[in-house]
Amino acid sequence: MDKLERPREIIEYCLQPLGLATNTTEYKEAYRRLEHVIKTLQVMAARNNKPVAVDFSSLRTITIDEAAHGDEF
């Protein structure tokens, strides 16, 4: 199994470029959100009883301005 097929390794790989300390609120919140996404994909794949391939490299980049929605921390 490829190392990046496991949720923890995928999340750590994605968050590493941000350079956040792992004990910060921001890191923990980003980790929580990514974990939710990965687990949701896993549940959907299990329901359909077949693998789900996701190629994030083809997705458009979006910028979310949480302050504009009143969701900033």
Protein backbone atom coordinates (compact mmCIF):
# COMPACT_ATOMS: atom_id res chain seq x y z
CA MET A 1 0.00 0.00 0.00
CA ASP A 2 1.32 3.42 -0.96
CA LYS A 3 2.07 5.57 2.06
CA LEU A 4 -0.23 8.34 0.80
CA GLU A 5 -3.24 6.02 0.70
CA ARG A 6 -3.63 6.21 4.48
CA PRO A 7 -5.65 9.19 5.81
CA ARG A 8 -3.17 10.36 8.44
CA GLU A 9 -0.29 10.45 5.96
CA ILE A 10 -2.42 12.22 3.34
CA ILE A 11 -3.47 14.90 5.84
CA GLU A 12 0.05 15.45 7.14
CA TYR A 13 1.34 15.67 3.57
CA CYS A 14 -1.28 18.32 2.71
CA LEU A 15 -0.67 20.40 5.83
CA GLN A 16 3.14 20.23 5.81
CA PRO A 17 3.68 23.18 3.40
CA LEU A 18 1.77 25.48 5.75
CA GLY A 19 4.49 25.15 8.35
CA LEU A 20 2.04 25.23 11.25
CA ALA A 21 2.99 23.75 14.59
CA THR A 22 0.88 20.64 15.12
CA ASN A 23 -0.41 21.93 18.46
CA THR A 24 -1.98 25.12 17.04
CA THR A 25 -5.72 25.64 16.78
CA GLU A 26 -5.40 26.31 13.04
CA TYR A 27 -3.56 23.04 12.40
CA LYS A 28 -6.05 21.05 14.46
CA GLU A 29 -9.04 22.61 12.66
CA ALA A 30 -7.53 22.02 9.21
CA TYR A 31 -6.69 18.44 10.22
CA ARG A 32 -10.26 17.89 11.47
CA ARG A 33 -11.75 19.18 8.22
CA LEU A 34 -9.48 17.09 6.00
CA GLU A 35 -10.14 14.02 8.11
CA HIS A 36 -13.88 14.55 7.67
CA VAL A 37 -13.51 14.81 3.89
CA ILE A 38 -11.40 11.67 3.65
CA LYS A 39 -13.71 9.65 5.89
CA THR A 40 -16.74 10.82 3.89
CA LEU A 41 -15.08 9.66 0.66
CA GLN A 42 -14.27 6.31 2.28
CA VAL A 43 -17.88 5.83 3.41
CA MET A 44 -19.19 6.66 -0.08
CA ALA A 45 -16.74 4.23 -1.67
CA ALA A 46 -17.77 1.48 0.76
CA ARG A 47 -21.46 2.07 0.06
CA ASN A 48 -20.93 1.60 -3.66
CA ASN A 49 -18.60 -1.33 -2.99
CA LYS A 50 -16.03 -0.04 -5.43
CA PRO A 51 -13.02 2.30 -5.26
CA VAL A 52 -13.43 5.99 -5.84
CA ALA A 53 -10.58 7.73 -7.64
CA VAL A 54 -10.20 11.43 -6.96
CA ASP A 55 -7.72 13.50 -8.95
CA PHE A 56 -7.36 16.74 -7.02
CA SER A 57 -4.82 18.06 -9.53
CA SER A 58 -7.63 18.72 -12.00
CA LEU A 59 -9.74 20.75 -9.55
CA ARG A 60 -9.88 24.52 -9.80
CA THR A 61 -8.19 26.42 -7.01
CA ILE A 62 -10.59 28.43 -4.90
CA THR A 63 -10.00 30.95 -2.18
CA ILE A 64 -12.39 30.95 0.73
CA ASP A 65 -12.77 34.19 2.60
CA GLU A 66 -14.21 32.96 5.88
CA ALA A 67 -14.25 36.50 7.27
CA ALA A 68 -16.73 37.47 4.55
CA HIS A 69 -19.11 34.80 5.83
CA GLY A 70 -18.62 35.50 9.53
CA ASP A 71 -16.85 32.19 10.08
CA GLU A 72 -13.42 33.47 11.00
CA PHE A 73 -11.82 32.30 14.23
